Amino acid sequence: MKVIICGAGQVGYGIAERLSQEDNDVGVIDTAASLITKMTDTLDVRGIVGHGAHPDVLAKAGADQADMIIAVTLYDEINMVACQVAHSLFNVPTKIARIRAQNYLKPEYSDLFSRDNMPIDVTISPEIEVGKMVLRRIAFPGATDVVRFADDHIAMVAIECMEDCPVVDTPLRQLSELFPDLMATVVGISRGGTLIIPQSGDHLLTGDVAYVVCQRDHIRRTLSLFGHEEQEAGSIVILGGGNIGFYVAQMIEKHQPKTRLKIVEASRERALQIADELRSTVVLNGSGLDQKLLQRADIADADLVVALTNNDQINILGSMMAKRLGAKASLVLINDPAYHDFSDDAGIDATINPRAVTISRILQQMRKGRIRAVYSVQQGNAEVIEAEALDTSPLVGQCLRDLELPDGIRIGALYRDGKVIRPDGETRIRTRDRVVLFASQDAVRHVEQLFRVSIQYF
């Protein structure tokens, strides 16, 4: 597939890195020559220095032959105009734009991004998507990741197996026998940096991260089964009152009104603005690295500090300082993947990777077949995929034990007629079933084949 990416910042780099790994023809446009040089020196992509919304620059990037344009510059208006020009002058089939300003995305303006107005096929609002991820992590503190599928009826939960994990050394098939009414299936294991697609005879070890697909209402019970009984935070301090921090505070006020919430925001103007719009949240103006200010925020009594500024160093150092002053746990937003490797050594309890959200949305558009949702895990080494089974799928009609699934695929749950089904050997997939599965990177192309509209089986 031929793809043009407008914007060579952290988001654009992450998208280009992933798409080039999958042998796509990727061209990247940015006005900063230094960013383009970095991109072309490290990735197998073409770089064009110029303005992504200018017709001559898009023409130079090969827009007349492009299958997709992904506009992820820092400016919404440039992203929108780039998609419009790509459509009007070059007839690019798929247009994706990052839109940060929520005013563009209000329901009353839903016709704005339509073919007759501004023809953008997919809008990505990273701040809101990341905010939702933060809220899920706050709601389920024992999980290292939580993602929803099948209209919010199914979840993928990543869970670390600690030393006191009750299910360590227990064969996975035995878990199904011991807890027959628990709608949960272990679909993937990360062990010492290696990704494992488990079989029913495999078992978990201390230190593993288990990827579990379960019914949404069974998340807490699943966490408890793995020994995670952490309680939701009653007192939270948020470092950073930008779009993400503000959204998280709004949702906590709306859905968890008993939670005691404080925000530390460096910009006085922004602090005043969000203080006027929030009802019960205390907003403090100052740096998240100011020890006295953190003490004023009663950081010693905080169950959780959530660092959500746009500066990784402030997030990391601020959370470390907060914990040293008495905060019980930390959740930290980290953009640069280089910082993720030492987060454990820095005493950070949990991290959020915003690039994973954006890249997952892009991959959903790239995948062939009836793919409804995609979420990338383990730095792209695997994907959790929701796909719809059609009449043409070789999965339909046979017992799962009789299927010869390619290596690297494990089915976690089915969603059928409003019900979640935990699959076993006797389960038969039916037409229109929504299948949530875990696939290694090498197996993704097989998943696309299994769910193609017109099947040509490998």
Protein backbone atom coordinates (compact mmCIF):
# COMPACT_ATOMS: atom_id res chain seq x y z
CA MET A 1 0.00 0.00 0.00
CA LYS A 2 1.24 3.50 -0.85
CA VAL A 3 0.83 5.86 2.12
CA ILE A 4 1.66 9.54 2.61
CA ILE A 5 2.17 10.82 6.16
CA CYS A 6 2.03 14.57 6.81
CA GLY A 7 3.96 15.33 9.98
CA ALA A 8 7.27 13.83 11.10
CA GLY A 9 6.92 14.42 14.84
CA GLN A 10 6.68 11.65 17.42
CA VAL A 11 3.25 10.48 16.21
CA GLY A 12 4.23 10.59 12.53
CA TYR A 13 7.49 8.78 13.27
CA GLY A 14 5.70 6.01 15.15
CA ILE A 15 3.22 5.50 12.32
CA ALA A 16 5.95 5.54 9.66
CA GLU A 17 8.05 3.06 11.66
CA ARG A 18 5.19 0.58 11.95
CA LEU A 19 3.92 0.90 8.38
CA SER A 20 7.40 0.62 6.86
CA GLN A 21 7.98 -2.57 8.87
CA GLU A 22 4.99 -4.05 7.05
CA ASP A 23 6.56 -3.31 3.64
CA ASN A 24 4.27 -0.42 2.77
CA ASP A 25 5.52 2.31 0.44
CA VAL A 26 5.68 5.24 2.87
CA GLY A 27 6.38 8.89 2.10
CA VAL A 28 6.67 11.48 4.89
CA ILE A 29 6.22 15.25 4.54
CA ASP A 30 7.34 17.88 7.05
CA THR A 31 8.54 21.48 6.96
CA ALA A 32 11.43 20.63 9.31
CA ALA A 33 14.37 19.28 7.33
CA SER A 34 15.97 17.89 10.51
CA LEU A 35 12.95 15.70 11.24
CA ILE A 36 12.88 14.40 7.67
CA THR A 37 16.61 13.63 7.83
CA LYS A 38 16.14 11.70 11.07
CA MET A 39 13.24 9.78 9.53
CA THR A 40 15.06 8.80 6.33
CA ASP A 41 18.27 7.94 8.19
CA THR A 42 16.52 5.45 10.47
CA LEU A 43 13.52 4.15 8.51
CA ASP A 44 12.88 2.78 5.04
CA VAL A 45 10.73 5.75 3.97
CA ARG A 46 10.89 8.59 1.46
CA GLY A 47 11.19 12.10 2.92
CA ILE A 48 9.88 15.32 1.43
CA VAL A 49 10.62 18.72 2.99
CA GLY A 50 7.62 21.00 2.50
CA HIS A 51 4.13 21.97 3.58
CA GLY A 52 1.82 18.96 3.73
CA ALA A 53 -1.23 20.90 2.51
CA HIS A 54 0.44 22.36 -0.58
CA PRO A 55 -0.57 20.65 -3.85
CA ASP A 56 2.92 20.70 -5.35
CA VAL A 57 4.38 19.03 -2.25
CA LEU A 58 1.69 16.34 -2.25
CA ALA A 59 2.32 15.80 -5.96
CA LYS A 60 6.04 15.37 -5.27
CA ALA A 61 5.16 12.79 -2.60
CA GLY A 62 3.20 10.79 -5.19
CA ALA A 63 -0.34 11.65 -4.08
CA ASP A 64 -1.72 10.77 -7.51
CA GLN A 65 -0.88 7.11 -6.79
CA ALA A 66 -1.44 7.07 -3.01
CA ASP A 67 -3.92 4.75 -1.36
CA MET A 68 -4.01 6.71 1.88
CA ILE A 69 -2.99 10.03 3.42
CA ILE A 70 -2.46 10.34 7.18
CA ALA A 71 -2.25 13.96 8.36
CA VAL A 72 -0.83 14.17 11.89
CA THR A 73 0.87 17.56 12.05
CA LEU A 74 0.50 19.67 15.20
CA TYR A 75 -2.16 21.84 13.53
CA ASP A 76 -5.73 20.65 12.94
CA GLU A 77 -6.32 23.08 10.09
CA ILE A 78 -3.27 21.88 8.16
CA ASN A 79 -4.39 18.29 8.65
CA MET A 80 -7.86 19.07 7.36
CA VAL A 81 -6.67 21.06 4.33
CA ALA A 82 -4.14 18.34 3.45
CA CYS A 83 -6.96 15.78 3.34
CA GLN A 84 -9.16 18.12 1.31
CA VAL A 85 -6.42 18.77 -1.26
CA ALA A 86 -5.58 15.06 -1.42
CA HIS A 87 -9.24 14.34 -2.18
CA SER A 88 -10.04 17.18 -4.56
CA LEU A 89 -6.87 17.16 -6.65
CA PHE A 90 -5.52 13.64 -6.35
CA ASN A 91 -8.56 11.51 -5.47
CA VAL A 92 -6.75 9.72 -2.64
CA PRO A 93 -9.19 6.98 -1.49
CA THR A 94 -8.62 7.09 2.29
CA LYS A 95 -8.02 10.29 4.29
CA ILE A 96 -7.13 10.23 8.01
CA ALA A 97 -6.62 13.38 10.09
CA ARG A 98 -5.60 14.03 13.66
CA ILE A 99 -8.02 16.56 15.15
CA ARG A 100 -7.16 17.88 18.60
CA ALA A 101 -9.66 20.75 19.05
CA GLN A 102 -12.85 19.26 20.41
CA ASN A 103 -14.99 22.05 18.94
CA TYR A 104 -14.61 20.39 15.54
CA LEU A 105 -15.88 17.07 16.92
CA LYS A 106 -19.08 18.14 18.65
CA PRO A 107 -22.13 16.02 17.70
CA GLU A 108 -23.96 19.01 16.23
CA TYR A 109 -21.15 19.38 13.69
CA SER A 110 -21.03 15.71 12.73
CA ASP A 111 -21.64 16.50 9.04
CA LEU A 112 -18.47 18.57 8.81
CA PHE A 113 -16.24 15.60 7.98
CA SER A 114 -18.38 14.14 5.22
CA ARG A 115 -17.72 13.58 1.55
CA ASP A 116 -19.90 16.55 0.58
CA ASN A 117 -18.14 18.95 2.97
CA MET A 118 -14.65 18.08 4.18
CA PRO A 119 -13.97 14.53 2.99
CA ILE A 120 -12.08 12.98 5.90
CA ASP A 121 -12.79 9.29 6.36
CA VAL A 122 -11.34 8.91 9.87
CA THR A 123 -10.70 11.55 12.51
CA ILE A 124 -8.35 10.69 15.34
CA SER A 125 -8.51 12.62 18.61
CA PRO A 126 -5.50 11.27 20.53
CA GLU A 127 -6.09 13.34 23.65
CA ILE A 128 -9.59 11.95 24.18
CA GLU A 129 -8.56 8.40 23.32
CA VAL A 130 -5.65 8.61 25.75
CA GLY A 131 -7.94 10.17 28.34
CA LYS A 132 -10.29 7.19 28.05
CA MET A 133 -7.33 4.85 28.48
CA VAL A 134 -6.26 6.73 31.62
CA LEU A 135 -9.78 6.43 33.03
CA ARG A 136 -9.84 2.67 32.39
CA ARG A 137 -6.50 2.29 34.15
CA ILE A 138 -7.80 4.31 37.11
CA ALA A 139 -10.95 2.16 37.25
CA PHE A 140 -8.96 -1.11 37.18
CA PRO A 141 -5.71 -0.38 39.05
CA GLY A 142 -4.52 -3.99 38.94
CA ALA A 143 -4.33 -4.01 35.13
CA THR A 144 -1.39 -2.77 33.08
CA ASP A 145 -3.67 -2.22 30.08
CA VAL A 146 -7.41 -2.32 29.41
CA VAL A 147 -9.01 -2.07 25.96
CA ARG A 148 -12.68 -2.53 25.01
CA PHE A 149 -14.11 -4.45 22.01
CA ALA A 150 -17.48 -5.58 20.64
CA ASP A 151 -19.41 -2.45 21.54
CA ASP A 152 -17.89 -2.45 25.03
CA HIS A 153 -19.02 -6.00 25.86
CA ILE A 154 -15.55 -7.57 25.69
CA ALA A 155 -12.25 -6.34 27.13
CA MET A 156 -8.60 -7.21 26.73
CA VAL A 157 -6.83 -6.90 30.06
CA ALA A 158 -3.06 -7.07 30.51
CA ILE A 159 -2.15 -8.39 33.98
CA GLU A 160 1.25 -8.81 35.60
CA CYS A 161 1.73 -12.07 37.50
CA MET A 162 3.27 -11.09 40.82
CA GLU A 163 4.92 -13.44 43.32
CA ASP A 164 1.60 -14.01 45.11
CA CYS A 165 -0.35 -14.69 41.89
CA PRO A 166 -2.61 -17.71 42.66
CA VAL A 167 -2.69 -19.03 39.08
CA VAL A 168 1.07 -19.28 38.52
CA ASP A 169 2.18 -22.79 37.45
CA THR A 170 -1.41 -23.84 36.73
CA PRO A 171 -2.10 -25.20 33.20
CA LEU A 172 -4.45 -22.87 31.35
CA ARG A 173 -6.92 -25.67 30.60
CA GLN A 174 -7.22 -26.27 34.34
CA LEU A 175 -8.20 -22.65 34.90
CA SER A 176 -11.17 -23.18 32.59
CA GLU A 177 -12.14 -26.28 34.56
CA LEU A 178 -11.78 -24.58 37.95
CA PHE A 179 -13.74 -21.48 36.91
CA PRO A 180 -16.26 -22.65 34.29
CA ASP A 181 -18.50 -19.60 34.62
CA LEU A 182 -15.65 -17.06 34.26
CA MET A 183 -15.73 -15.57 30.76
CA ALA A 184 -11.97 -15.12 30.43
CA THR A 185 -9.26 -16.63 28.21
CA VAL A 186 -5.50 -16.11 28.37
CA VAL A 187 -4.53 -15.33 24.76
CA GLY A 188 -0.98 -14.06 25.05
CA ILE A 189 1.99 -14.05 27.44
CA SER A 190 4.94 -11.69 27.59
CA ARG A 191 7.85 -13.42 29.30
CA GLY A 192 11.26 -11.80 29.63
CA GLY A 193 10.78 -9.77 26.47
CA THR A 194 9.51 -12.77 24.48
CA LEU A 195 5.92 -12.99 23.24
CA ILE A 196 4.19 -16.37 23.60
CA ILE A 197 0.90 -17.44 22.02
CA PRO A 198 -0.10 -20.06 24.60
CA GLN A 199 -1.72 -23.46 24.20
CA SER A 200 -4.10 -24.98 26.75
CA GLY A 201 -1.29 -26.98 28.33
CA ASP A 202 0.93 -23.96 28.96
CA HIS A 203 1.14 -22.22 32.31
CA LEU A 204 2.06 -18.79 33.66
CA LEU A 205 5.22 -17.91 35.58
CA THR A 206 5.98 -15.17 38.10
CA GLY A 207 6.89 -12.01 36.22
CA ASP A 208 4.78 -12.83 33.17
CA VAL A 209 2.36 -10.30 31.73
CA ALA A 210 -0.79 -12.19 30.71
CA TYR A 211 -3.10 -10.83 28.01
CA VAL A 212 -6.61 -11.93 28.91
CA VAL A 213 -9.76 -11.50 26.80
CA CYS A 214 -12.84 -11.46 29.02
CA GLN A 215 -16.41 -10.30 29.29
CA ARG A 216 -16.50 -6.68 30.42
CA ASP A 217 -18.44 -7.46 33.60
CA HIS A 218 -15.83 -10.07 34.57
CA ILE A 219 -12.80 -7.77 34.59
CA ARG A 220 -12.66 -7.34 38.37
CA ARG A 221 -13.15 -11.03 39.02
CA THR A 222 -10.40 -11.83 36.51
CA LEU A 223 -8.02 -9.42 38.22
CA SER A 224 -8.88 -10.98 41.57
CA LEU A 225 -8.15 -14.46 40.19
CA PHE A 226 -4.65 -13.21 39.31
CA GLY A 227 -4.16 -11.84 42.83
CA HIS A 228 -4.85 -8.18 42.09
CA GLU A 229 -7.21 -6.75 44.70
CA GLU A 230 -6.14 -3.11 44.39
CA GLN A 231 -8.88 -0.66 45.29
CA GLU A 232 -9.84 2.34 43.18
CA ALA A 233 -8.12 5.55 44.24
CA GLY A 234 -10.17 7.79 46.52
CA SER A 235 -7.73 10.70 46.25
CA ILE A 236 -5.99 11.62 42.97
CA VAL A 237 -3.53 14.36 42.02
CA ILE A 238 -3.18 15.09 38.28
CA LEU A 239 -0.03 16.78 37.02
CA GLY A 240 -1.00 18.72 33.89
CA GLY A 241 -4.29 20.43 33.08
CA GLY A 242 -4.07 20.20 29.29
CA ASN A 243 -6.64 18.49 27.09
CA ILE A 244 -5.99 15.05 28.56
CA GLY A 245 -5.84 16.09 32.23
CA PHE A 246 -8.91 18.28 31.86
CA TYR A 247 -10.90 15.52 30.15
CA VAL A 248 -9.93 12.98 32.82
CA ALA A 249 -10.99 15.42 35.58
CA GLN A 250 -14.32 16.09 33.88
CA MET A 251 -15.10 12.38 33.58
CA ILE A 252 -14.06 11.64 37.17
CA GLU A 253 -16.30 14.45 38.41
CA LYS A 254 -19.16 13.04 36.36
CA HIS A 255 -18.80 9.33 37.12
CA GLN A 256 -16.86 9.21 40.41
CA PRO A 257 -18.09 12.27 42.32
CA LYS A 258 -16.75 10.98 45.64
CA THR A 259 -13.15 10.99 44.40
CA ARG A 260 -11.05 13.82 45.84
CA LEU A 261 -9.30 15.40 42.89
CA LYS A 262 -6.60 18.04 42.49
CA ILE A 263 -4.82 19.33 39.35
CA VAL A 264 -1.41 21.00 39.20
CA GLU A 265 -1.12 23.15 36.04
CA ALA A 266 1.93 25.25 35.11
CA SER A 267 0.13 27.86 32.97
CA ARG A 268 -1.75 30.42 35.03
CA GLU A 269 -4.13 31.21 32.16
CA ARG A 270 -4.94 27.54 31.63
CA ALA A 271 -5.31 26.95 35.36
CA LEU A 272 -7.88 29.75 35.64
CA GLN A 273 -9.74 28.46 32.59
CA ILE A 274 -10.15 24.88 33.79
CA ALA A 275 -10.88 26.00 37.36
CA ASP A 276 -13.91 27.88 36.00
CA GLU A 277 -15.15 24.81 34.10
CA LEU A 278 -14.58 22.14 36.75
CA ARG A 279 -17.07 21.89 39.61
CA SER A 280 -15.30 20.26 42.55
CA THR A 281 -11.69 19.79 41.43
CA VAL A 282 -9.06 21.93 43.18
CA VAL A 283 -6.73 23.54 40.61
CA LEU A 284 -3.27 24.69 41.71
CA ASN A 285 -1.06 26.86 39.50
CA GLY A 286 2.60 25.88 39.40
CA SER A 287 5.13 23.26 38.35
CA GLY A 288 4.67 19.56 38.98
CA LEU A 289 8.31 19.59 40.10
CA ASP A 290 7.66 22.13 42.88
CA GLN A 291 7.92 20.15 46.11
CA LYS A 292 6.13 22.77 48.19
CA LEU A 293 3.28 22.93 45.70
CA LEU A 294 2.91 19.15 45.75
CA GLN A 295 2.73 19.30 49.54
CA ARG A 296 0.01 21.95 49.24
CA ALA A 297 -1.83 19.48 47.02
CA ASP A 298 -1.72 16.98 49.95
CA ILE A 299 0.37 14.61 47.89
CA ALA A 300 1.19 12.54 50.98
CA ASP A 301 -2.49 11.57 51.22
CA ALA A 302 -2.91 10.81 47.51
CA ASP A 303 -3.74 7.25 46.51
CA LEU A 304 -2.60 7.99 42.97
CA VAL A 305 -0.61 10.64 41.10
CA VAL A 306 -1.36 10.81 37.36
CA ALA A 307 1.27 12.68 35.34
CA LEU A 308 -0.25 13.96 32.07
CA THR A 309 1.83 16.96 30.96
CA ASN A 310 3.24 17.08 27.41
CA ASN A 311 6.79 16.78 28.78
CA ASP A 312 8.05 13.26 29.50
CA GLN A 313 10.79 14.44 31.85
CA ILE A 314 8.35 16.41 33.99
CA ASN A 315 5.98 13.44 34.08
CA ILE A 316 8.71 11.02 35.16
CA LEU A 317 10.44 13.30 37.68
CA GLY A 318 7.15 14.68 39.02
CA SER A 319 5.79 11.20 39.69
CA MET A 320 9.05 10.15 41.34
CA MET A 321 8.95 13.21 43.59
CA ALA A 322 5.27 12.64 44.39
CA LYS A 323 5.94 9.07 45.50
CA ARG A 324 8.93 10.18 47.58
CA LEU A 325 6.57 12.64 49.30
CA GLY A 326 4.08 9.89 50.11
CA ALA A 327 1.81 9.25 47.10
CA LYS A 328 0.90 5.56 47.08
CA ALA A 329 1.01 4.89 43.31
CA SER A 330 1.79 6.58 40.00
CA LEU A 331 0.44 6.47 36.46
CA VAL A 332 2.63 8.29 33.95
CA LEU A 333 2.12 9.39 30.35
CA ILE A 334 5.32 8.74 28.36
CA ASN A 335 5.57 9.67 24.67
CA ASP A 336 9.18 8.71 23.96
CA PRO A 337 9.53 4.91 23.86
CA ALA A 338 13.16 5.25 24.99
CA TYR A 339 11.89 6.14 28.48
CA HIS A 340 9.67 3.08 28.84
CA ASP A 341 12.60 0.74 29.36
CA PHE A 342 13.66 2.24 32.68
CA SER A 343 10.24 3.19 34.05
CA ASP A 344 10.28 0.24 36.48
CA ASP A 345 13.72 1.21 37.76
CA ALA A 346 12.46 4.76 38.31
CA GLY A 347 9.73 3.48 40.63
CA ILE A 348 6.90 4.22 38.20
CA ASP A 349 3.99 1.88 38.82
CA ALA A 350 2.27 2.16 35.43
CA THR A 351 2.74 3.98 32.14
CA ILE A 352 0.50 5.11 29.29
CA ASN A 353 1.83 5.05 25.71
CA PRO A 354 -0.21 7.52 23.61
CA ARG A 355 1.37 6.39 20.35
CA ALA A 356 -0.18 2.94 20.75
CA VAL A 357 -3.65 4.50 20.59
CA THR A 358 -3.02 6.43 17.38
CA ILE A 359 -1.11 3.62 15.66
CA SER A 360 -3.88 1.14 16.52
CA ARG A 361 -6.48 3.38 14.86
CA ILE A 362 -4.32 3.63 11.75
CA LEU A 363 -3.76 -0.13 11.61
CA GLN A 364 -7.51 -0.69 11.71
CA GLN A 365 -7.77 1.18 8.41
CA MET A 366 -4.80 -0.69 6.93
CA ARG A 367 -6.08 -4.17 7.68
CA LYS A 368 -7.84 -6.08 4.90
CA GLY A 369 -10.95 -8.13 5.56
CA ARG A 370 -13.86 -7.41 7.88
CA ILE A 371 -11.73 -6.00 10.70
CA ARG A 372 -13.71 -3.89 13.16
CA ALA A 373 -11.02 -2.95 15.70
CA VAL A 374 -7.28 -3.32 16.24
CA TYR A 375 -5.07 -2.68 19.25
CA SER A 376 -1.29 -2.97 19.01
CA VAL A 377 0.60 -4.43 22.00
CA GLN A 378 4.21 -5.21 22.88
CA GLN A 379 5.62 -2.41 20.69
CA GLY A 380 3.89 -3.86 17.65
CA ASN A 381 4.88 -7.50 18.22
CA ALA A 382 1.21 -8.50 18.41
CA GLU A 383 -2.30 -7.20 17.88
CA VAL A 384 -5.65 -7.77 19.53
CA ILE A 385 -8.15 -7.84 16.68
CA GLU A 386 -11.94 -7.81 16.51
CA ALA A 387 -13.17 -9.24 13.22
CA GLU A 388 -16.54 -10.22 11.80
CA ALA A 389 -16.98 -13.71 10.39
CA LEU A 390 -18.65 -13.85 6.96
CA ASP A 391 -20.02 -16.76 4.94
CA THR A 392 -16.75 -16.91 3.03
CA SER A 393 -14.60 -17.44 6.15
CA PRO A 394 -13.14 -20.94 6.58
CA LEU A 395 -13.71 -20.51 10.32
CA VAL A 396 -17.49 -20.70 9.99
CA GLY A 397 -19.24 -23.97 10.79
CA GLN A 398 -16.38 -26.11 12.08
CA CYS A 399 -15.57 -26.99 15.68
CA LEU A 400 -12.58 -24.95 16.84
CA ARG A 401 -10.65 -28.11 17.70
CA ASP A 402 -10.93 -29.20 14.06
CA LEU A 403 -9.62 -25.93 12.68
CA GLU A 404 -5.99 -25.80 11.66
CA LEU A 405 -5.35 -22.23 12.72
CA PRO A 406 -2.00 -20.79 11.66
CA ASP A 407 0.65 -20.47 14.35
CA GLY A 408 0.49 -17.22 16.29
CA ILE A 409 -3.32 -16.91 16.59
CA ARG A 410 -5.46 -17.56 19.66
CA ILE A 411 -9.19 -16.85 19.82
CA GLY A 412 -10.30 -15.19 23.05
CA ALA A 413 -14.05 -14.60 22.81
CA LEU A 414 -17.05 -14.44 20.48
CA TYR A 415 -19.85 -11.90 20.54
CA ARG A 416 -23.14 -13.26 19.20
CA ASP A 417 -26.69 -11.92 19.49
CA GLY A 418 -25.80 -9.72 22.44
CA LYS A 419 -23.98 -12.45 24.35
CA VAL A 420 -20.30 -13.11 25.06
CA ILE A 421 -19.11 -16.67 24.45
CA ARG A 422 -15.90 -18.12 25.85
CA PRO A 423 -14.68 -20.52 23.15
CA ASP A 424 -13.75 -24.13 23.74
CA GLY A 425 -13.01 -27.05 21.44
CA GLU A 426 -16.70 -27.64 20.69
CA THR A 427 -17.48 -24.02 19.82
CA ARG A 428 -18.53 -23.34 16.23
CA ILE A 429 -18.18 -19.86 14.79
CA ARG A 430 -21.29 -18.66 12.97
CA THR A 431 -21.75 -16.10 10.25
CA ARG A 432 -21.84 -12.54 11.69
CA ASP A 433 -20.08 -13.58 14.89
CA ARG A 434 -17.61 -10.98 16.10
CA VAL A 435 -14.37 -12.73 16.99
CA VAL A 436 -11.82 -11.17 19.37
CA LEU A 437 -8.42 -12.78 18.96
CA PHE A 438 -4.73 -12.29 19.70
CA ALA A 439 -2.26 -12.50 16.81
CA SER A 440 1.49 -12.21 16.62
CA GLN A 441 2.84 -9.76 14.06
CA ASP A 442 3.75 -12.60 11.68
CA ALA A 443 0.21 -14.00 11.88
CA VAL A 444 -1.70 -10.79 11.15
CA ARG A 445 -1.76 -11.43 7.39
CA HIS A 446 -3.36 -14.82 8.08
CA VAL A 447 -6.07 -13.12 10.14
CA GLU A 448 -6.78 -10.82 7.20
CA GLN A 449 -7.16 -13.88 4.97
CA LEU A 450 -9.47 -15.62 7.43
CA PHE A 451 -11.84 -12.66 7.45
CA ARG A 452 -11.60 -11.52 3.83
CA VAL A 453 -14.86 -10.73 2.06
CA SER A 454 -13.77 -12.91 -0.87
CA ILE A 455 -11.56 -15.62 0.53
CA GLN A 456 -8.44 -16.93 -1.12
CA TYR A 457 -7.16 -19.15 1.62
CA PHE A 458 -3.42 -19.52 2.08
